[in-house]
Amino acid sequence: MSAAYVTVTLVTAFFTGSAAVFYLIGHEYPKSQADMKRIPRRYVPVLGGLLAAGTTGLLTGLAVPALGTAAAIGLVLYFTGALVAHLRVGSRNLIGWAVFAVTVTTNLIVNVTQLY
C-alpha cells in the first residue's frame, strides 16, 4: 500500500465525510443547493447517506482494496449526477463540484493503479 494511496484516500474521505455530515444534520447549505437545483428537500438526507456510504467504503478500502475501488466508482457517479443537476438548471457555479470531482476521480485512479 503506497503513501499516495493512503493520503488520497484519507483526503477524499475527509471531504466526502464532511459533506455527508452537513447533509445529514440538516445544515442550510445543502438545502439551499437542493432548492437551486430543483431537487426536493426530502432527498437531502438520502444524498447525505450516499456520501456517508461512499466515505465508509473508501475507508474500508484501506483493508479491502476492491471495496475502496467500488466506493470510488460510486462517488464518481454521484458527482457526475451532481454535474448533471447543475447543468440542468443552468448553474455555472462549479468550483465546489470541481474540487469534489477531481478528488474522487483522483482517488479512483489511485485505487485502480493500486490494484494492479
N, C-alpha and C. Protein backbone atom coordinates (compact mmCIF):
# COMPACT_ATOMS: atom_id res chain seq x y z
N MET A 1 0.86 -1.17 0.00
CA MET A 1 0.00 0.00 0.00
C MET A 1 0.90 1.23 0.00
N SER A 2 0.73 2.08 -0.99
CA SER A 2 1.60 3.24 -1.12
C SER A 2 1.12 4.40 -0.26
N ALA A 3 2.05 5.31 -0.01
CA ALA A 3 1.71 6.52 0.76
C ALA A 3 0.71 7.38 -0.01
N ALA A 4 0.84 7.41 -1.34
CA ALA A 4 -0.10 8.19 -2.16
C ALA A 4 -1.52 7.65 -2.02
N TYR A 5 -1.64 6.33 -2.04
CA TYR A 5 -2.95 5.69 -1.90
C TYR A 5 -3.60 6.06 -0.57
N VAL A 6 -2.84 5.94 0.50
CA VAL A 6 -3.38 6.26 1.83
C VAL A 6 -3.73 7.74 1.93
N THR A 7 -2.84 8.59 1.45
CA THR A 7 -3.07 10.04 1.55
C THR A 7 -4.29 10.46 0.75
N VAL A 8 -4.36 10.03 -0.50
CA VAL A 8 -5.50 10.41 -1.36
C VAL A 8 -6.80 9.87 -0.77
N THR A 9 -6.77 8.66 -0.25
CA THR A 9 -7.98 8.08 0.33
C THR A 9 -8.42 8.85 1.57
N LEU A 10 -7.49 9.22 2.43
CA LEU A 10 -7.86 9.97 3.64
C LEU A 10 -8.37 11.37 3.32
N VAL A 11 -7.75 12.03 2.35
CA VAL A 11 -8.22 13.37 1.95
C VAL A 11 -9.62 13.27 1.35
N THR A 12 -9.83 12.31 0.46
CA THR A 12 -11.15 12.13 -0.16
C THR A 12 -12.19 11.79 0.89
N ALA A 13 -11.84 10.90 1.81
CA ALA A 13 -12.77 10.52 2.87
C ALA A 13 -13.11 11.72 3.76
N PHE A 14 -12.13 12.58 4.01
CA PHE A 14 -12.41 13.79 4.80
C PHE A 14 -13.40 14.68 4.07
N PHE A 15 -13.17 14.92 2.79
CA PHE A 15 -14.07 15.79 2.01
C PHE A 15 -15.48 15.22 1.95
N THR A 16 -15.59 13.96 1.53
CA THR A 16 -16.92 13.38 1.36
C THR A 16 -17.60 13.15 2.71
N GLY A 17 -16.82 12.80 3.72
CA GLY A 17 -17.39 12.61 5.05
C GLY A 17 -17.91 13.92 5.63
N SER A 18 -17.17 15.00 5.43
CA SER A 18 -17.63 16.31 5.90
C SER A 18 -18.92 16.72 5.20
N ALA A 19 -18.97 16.50 3.89
CA ALA A 19 -20.19 16.82 3.15
C ALA A 19 -21.35 15.97 3.64
N ALA A 20 -21.10 14.69 3.90
CA ALA A 20 -22.16 13.80 4.40
C ALA A 20 -22.71 14.31 5.72
N VAL A 21 -21.85 14.76 6.61
CA VAL A 21 -22.31 15.28 7.91
C VAL A 21 -23.20 16.49 7.70
N PHE A 22 -22.79 17.42 6.83
CA PHE A 22 -23.60 18.61 6.58
C PHE A 22 -24.97 18.25 6.00
N TYR A 23 -24.99 17.26 5.13
CA TYR A 23 -26.26 16.81 4.56
C TYR A 23 -27.13 16.15 5.62
N LEU A 24 -26.54 15.35 6.46
CA LEU A 24 -27.31 14.55 7.42
C LEU A 24 -27.79 15.33 8.64
N ILE A 25 -27.07 16.40 9.01
CA ILE A 25 -27.51 17.17 10.18
C ILE A 25 -28.53 18.23 9.81
N GLY A 26 -28.80 18.37 8.52
CA GLY A 26 -29.81 19.34 8.10
C GLY A 26 -29.29 20.76 7.98
N HIS A 27 -28.01 20.90 7.70
CA HIS A 27 -27.41 22.23 7.51
C HIS A 27 -28.12 22.95 6.36
N GLU A 28 -28.14 24.24 6.42
CA GLU A 28 -28.88 25.04 5.43
C GLU A 28 -28.24 24.99 4.03
N TYR A 29 -26.91 24.88 3.95
CA TYR A 29 -26.26 24.91 2.64
C TYR A 29 -26.74 23.80 1.70
N PRO A 30 -26.74 22.53 2.14
CA PRO A 30 -27.26 21.50 1.22
C PRO A 30 -28.72 21.72 0.84
N LYS A 31 -29.49 22.25 1.78
CA LYS A 31 -30.90 22.53 1.46
C LYS A 31 -31.02 23.61 0.39
N SER A 32 -30.21 24.66 0.51
CA SER A 32 -30.28 25.74 -0.49
C SER A 32 -29.78 25.24 -1.84
N GLN A 33 -28.78 24.36 -1.83
CA GLN A 33 -28.30 23.78 -3.08
C GLN A 33 -29.38 22.90 -3.73
N ALA A 34 -30.08 22.14 -2.91
CA ALA A 34 -31.18 21.31 -3.43
C ALA A 34 -32.27 22.20 -4.04
N ASP A 35 -32.60 23.29 -3.35
CA ASP A 35 -33.60 24.22 -3.88
C ASP A 35 -33.16 24.80 -5.22
N MET A 36 -31.89 25.21 -5.29
CA MET A 36 -31.36 25.82 -6.51
C MET A 36 -31.41 24.82 -7.67
N LYS A 37 -31.16 23.55 -7.37
CA LYS A 37 -31.14 22.52 -8.42
C LYS A 37 -32.52 21.89 -8.63
N ARG A 38 -33.50 22.40 -7.93
CA ARG A 38 -34.88 21.91 -8.01
C ARG A 38 -34.97 20.42 -7.65
N ILE A 39 -34.25 20.05 -6.60
CA ILE A 39 -34.31 18.70 -6.04
C ILE A 39 -35.12 18.79 -4.75
N PRO A 40 -36.13 17.96 -4.57
CA PRO A 40 -36.93 18.02 -3.34
C PRO A 40 -36.04 17.85 -2.09
N ARG A 41 -36.33 18.65 -1.07
CA ARG A 41 -35.52 18.61 0.15
C ARG A 41 -35.55 17.25 0.83
N ARG A 42 -36.56 16.46 0.59
CA ARG A 42 -36.62 15.14 1.23
C ARG A 42 -35.50 14.23 0.74
N TYR A 43 -34.85 14.58 -0.37
CA TYR A 43 -33.74 13.79 -0.88
C TYR A 43 -32.39 14.19 -0.27
N VAL A 44 -32.34 15.30 0.44
CA VAL A 44 -31.07 15.75 1.02
C VAL A 44 -30.49 14.70 1.96
N PRO A 45 -31.27 14.12 2.90
CA PRO A 45 -30.68 13.07 3.74
C PRO A 45 -30.27 11.82 2.95
N VAL A 46 -30.99 11.52 1.88
CA VAL A 46 -30.63 10.37 1.05
C VAL A 46 -29.26 10.62 0.39
N LEU A 47 -29.08 11.83 -0.12
CA LEU A 47 -27.79 12.18 -0.73
C LEU A 47 -26.68 12.14 0.32
N GLY A 48 -26.98 12.59 1.53
CA GLY A 48 -26.01 12.50 2.61
C GLY A 48 -25.67 11.07 2.95
N GLY A 49 -26.67 10.20 2.92
CA GLY A 49 -26.44 8.78 3.16
C GLY A 49 -25.55 8.16 2.10
N LEU A 50 -25.75 8.58 0.86
CA LEU A 50 -24.90 8.07 -0.22
C LEU A 50 -23.45 8.52 -0.03
N LEU A 51 -23.29 9.78 0.37
CA LEU A 51 -21.94 10.27 0.64
C LEU A 51 -21.30 9.53 1.81
N ALA A 52 -22.10 9.28 2.85
CA ALA A 52 -21.59 8.55 4.02
C ALA A 52 -21.21 7.12 3.64
N ALA A 53 -22.01 6.49 2.81
CA ALA A 53 -21.70 5.13 2.37
C ALA A 53 -20.41 5.12 1.54
N GLY A 54 -20.25 6.10 0.68
CA GLY A 54 -19.03 6.21 -0.12
C GLY A 54 -17.81 6.42 0.75
N THR A 55 -17.95 7.27 1.75
CA THR A 55 -16.85 7.53 2.68
C THR A 55 -16.47 6.26 3.43
N THR A 56 -17.47 5.56 3.93
CA THR A 56 -17.23 4.30 4.65
C THR A 56 -16.54 3.30 3.73
N GLY A 57 -16.99 3.22 2.49
CA GLY A 57 -16.38 2.31 1.53
C GLY A 57 -14.93 2.65 1.24
N LEU A 58 -14.63 3.95 1.13
CA LEU A 58 -13.25 4.36 0.89
C LEU A 58 -12.35 3.94 2.05
N LEU A 59 -12.83 4.17 3.27
CA LEU A 59 -12.02 3.82 4.44
C LEU A 59 -11.89 2.31 4.59
N THR A 60 -12.96 1.58 4.28
CA THR A 60 -12.89 0.12 4.30
C THR A 60 -11.91 -0.38 3.24
N GLY A 61 -11.80 0.38 2.16
CA GLY A 61 -10.88 0.03 1.08
C GLY A 61 -9.43 0.01 1.50
N LEU A 62 -9.11 0.65 2.63
CA LEU A 62 -7.74 0.57 3.12
C LEU A 62 -7.40 -0.86 3.54
N ALA A 63 -8.43 -1.61 3.95
CA ALA A 63 -8.23 -3.02 4.33
C ALA A 63 -8.59 -3.97 3.20
N VAL A 64 -9.63 -3.61 2.43
CA VAL A 64 -10.09 -4.45 1.32
C VAL A 64 -10.13 -3.57 0.07
N PRO A 65 -9.04 -3.50 -0.68
CA PRO A 65 -8.94 -2.55 -1.79
C PRO A 65 -10.08 -2.60 -2.81
N ALA A 66 -10.65 -3.75 -3.07
CA ALA A 66 -11.74 -3.84 -4.05
C ALA A 66 -12.96 -3.03 -3.58
N LEU A 67 -13.21 -3.01 -2.29
CA LEU A 67 -14.33 -2.20 -1.78
C LEU A 67 -14.05 -0.72 -1.93
N GLY A 68 -12.80 -0.33 -1.73
CA GLY A 68 -12.43 1.07 -1.93
C GLY A 68 -12.62 1.49 -3.37
N THR A 69 -12.28 0.61 -4.28
CA THR A 69 -12.47 0.91 -5.71
C THR A 69 -13.95 1.03 -6.04
N ALA A 70 -14.76 0.12 -5.51
CA ALA A 70 -16.21 0.19 -5.74
C ALA A 70 -16.78 1.49 -5.18
N ALA A 71 -16.32 1.89 -4.00
CA ALA A 71 -16.80 3.13 -3.39
C ALA A 71 -16.37 4.33 -4.23
N ALA A 72 -15.15 4.30 -4.73
CA ALA A 72 -14.67 5.40 -5.57
C ALA A 72 -15.49 5.51 -6.85
N ILE A 73 -15.82 4.37 -7.44
CA ILE A 73 -16.67 4.38 -8.64
C ILE A 73 -18.03 5.00 -8.31
N GLY A 74 -18.60 4.59 -7.17
CA GLY A 74 -19.89 5.15 -6.75
C GLY A 74 -19.83 6.65 -6.54
N LEU A 75 -18.74 7.13 -5.95
CA LEU A 75 -18.62 8.57 -5.71
C LEU A 75 -18.41 9.34 -7.02
N VAL A 76 -17.67 8.76 -7.96
CA VAL A 76 -17.53 9.41 -9.27
C VAL A 76 -18.90 9.51 -9.94
N LEU A 77 -19.70 8.46 -9.85
CA LEU A 77 -21.05 8.51 -10.41
C LEU A 77 -21.92 9.53 -9.70
N TYR A 78 -21.78 9.60 -8.37
CA TYR A 78 -22.54 10.58 -7.57
C TYR A 78 -22.24 12.00 -8.06
N PHE A 79 -20.96 12.31 -8.21
CA PHE A 79 -20.60 13.67 -8.61
C PHE A 79 -20.84 13.92 -10.10
N THR A 80 -20.92 12.89 -10.90
CA THR A 80 -21.37 13.05 -12.28
C THR A 80 -22.84 13.48 -12.28
N GLY A 81 -23.62 12.84 -11.42
CA GLY A 81 -25.02 13.23 -11.26
C GLY A 81 -25.15 14.66 -10.75
N ALA A 82 -24.25 15.06 -9.86
CA ALA A 82 -24.27 16.44 -9.36
C ALA A 82 -24.00 17.43 -10.48
N LEU A 83 -23.07 17.08 -11.37
CA LEU A 83 -22.80 17.95 -12.52
C LEU A 83 -24.04 18.07 -13.40
N VAL A 84 -24.69 16.96 -13.65
CA VAL A 84 -25.92 16.98 -14.47
C VAL A 84 -26.97 17.87 -13.80
N ALA A 85 -27.10 17.77 -12.49
CA ALA A 85 -28.07 18.59 -11.76
C ALA A 85 -27.74 20.08 -11.90
N HIS A 86 -26.46 20.41 -11.83
CA HIS A 86 -26.04 21.81 -12.00
C HIS A 86 -26.38 22.30 -13.41
N LEU A 87 -25.98 21.53 -14.39
CA LEU A 87 -26.17 21.97 -15.77
C LEU A 87 -27.64 22.01 -16.16
N ARG A 88 -28.44 21.12 -15.58
CA ARG A 88 -29.87 21.07 -15.89
C ARG A 88 -30.57 22.38 -15.56
N VAL A 89 -30.13 23.06 -14.50
CA VAL A 89 -30.76 24.31 -14.10
C VAL A 89 -29.97 25.53 -14.57
N GLY A 90 -28.90 25.29 -15.34
CA GLY A 90 -28.12 26.40 -15.87
C GLY A 90 -27.11 26.98 -14.90
N SER A 91 -26.82 26.27 -13.83
CA SER A 91 -25.84 26.75 -12.86
C SER A 91 -24.44 26.59 -13.43
N ARG A 92 -23.67 27.66 -13.36
CA ARG A 92 -22.29 27.60 -13.83
C ARG A 92 -21.31 27.76 -12.67
N ASN A 93 -21.83 27.73 -11.45
CA ASN A 93 -21.00 27.82 -10.25
C ASN A 93 -20.52 26.41 -9.91
N LEU A 94 -19.43 26.01 -10.54
CA LEU A 94 -18.99 24.62 -10.46
C LEU A 94 -17.67 24.44 -9.69
N ILE A 95 -17.23 25.46 -8.98
CA ILE A 95 -15.96 25.35 -8.26
C ILE A 95 -16.02 24.25 -7.21
N GLY A 96 -17.05 24.26 -6.37
CA GLY A 96 -17.19 23.24 -5.33
C GLY A 96 -17.31 21.86 -5.93
N TRP A 97 -18.11 21.75 -6.98
CA TRP A 97 -18.25 20.47 -7.65
C TRP A 97 -16.91 20.00 -8.18
N ALA A 98 -16.15 20.90 -8.79
CA ALA A 98 -14.87 20.52 -9.39
C ALA A 98 -13.90 20.00 -8.34
N VAL A 99 -13.87 20.62 -7.16
CA VAL A 99 -12.97 20.16 -6.10
C VAL A 99 -13.31 18.72 -5.72
N PHE A 100 -14.59 18.45 -5.51
CA PHE A 100 -15.01 17.10 -5.16
C PHE A 100 -14.77 16.13 -6.31
N ALA A 101 -15.11 16.52 -7.52
CA ALA A 101 -14.97 15.64 -8.67
C ALA A 101 -13.51 15.27 -8.92
N VAL A 102 -12.63 16.24 -8.84
CA VAL A 102 -11.20 15.96 -9.04
C VAL A 102 -10.70 15.04 -7.92
N THR A 103 -11.13 15.29 -6.70
CA THR A 103 -10.68 14.48 -5.57
C THR A 103 -11.13 13.03 -5.71
N VAL A 104 -12.42 12.81 -6.00
CA VAL A 104 -12.91 11.43 -6.08
C VAL A 104 -12.37 10.73 -7.34
N THR A 105 -12.17 11.47 -8.42
CA THR A 105 -11.60 10.87 -9.63
C THR A 105 -10.15 10.47 -9.39
N THR A 106 -9.40 11.34 -8.73
CA THR A 106 -8.02 11.01 -8.37
C THR A 106 -7.99 9.77 -7.48
N ASN A 107 -8.93 9.70 -6.54
CA ASN A 107 -8.99 8.54 -5.68
C ASN A 107 -9.26 7.27 -6.47
N LEU A 108 -10.16 7.35 -7.43
CA LEU A 108 -10.45 6.19 -8.27
C LEU A 108 -9.22 5.75 -9.04
N ILE A 109 -8.52 6.71 -9.63
CA ILE A 109 -7.31 6.38 -10.40
C ILE A 109 -6.26 5.72 -9.51
N VAL A 110 -6.05 6.28 -8.31
CA VAL A 110 -5.07 5.70 -7.39
C VAL A 110 -5.52 4.32 -6.94
N ASN A 111 -6.82 4.15 -6.70
CA ASN A 111 -7.34 2.84 -6.31
C ASN A 111 -7.10 1.79 -7.39
N VAL A 112 -7.40 2.14 -8.62
CA VAL A 112 -7.24 1.18 -9.72
C VAL A 112 -5.77 0.85 -9.93
N THR A 113 -4.91 1.85 -9.88
CA THR A 113 -3.49 1.56 -10.06
C THR A 113 -2.93 0.77 -8.88
N GLN A 114 -3.50 0.91 -7.72
CA GLN A 114 -3.06 0.16 -6.53
C GLN A 114 -3.42 -1.32 -6.67
N LEU A 115 -4.53 -1.61 -7.33
CA LEU A 115 -4.96 -2.99 -7.50
C LEU A 115 -4.04 -3.78 -8.43
N TYR A 116 -3.42 -3.10 -9.39
CA TYR A 116 -2.63 -3.80 -10.42
C TYR A 116 -1.18 -3.57 -10.25
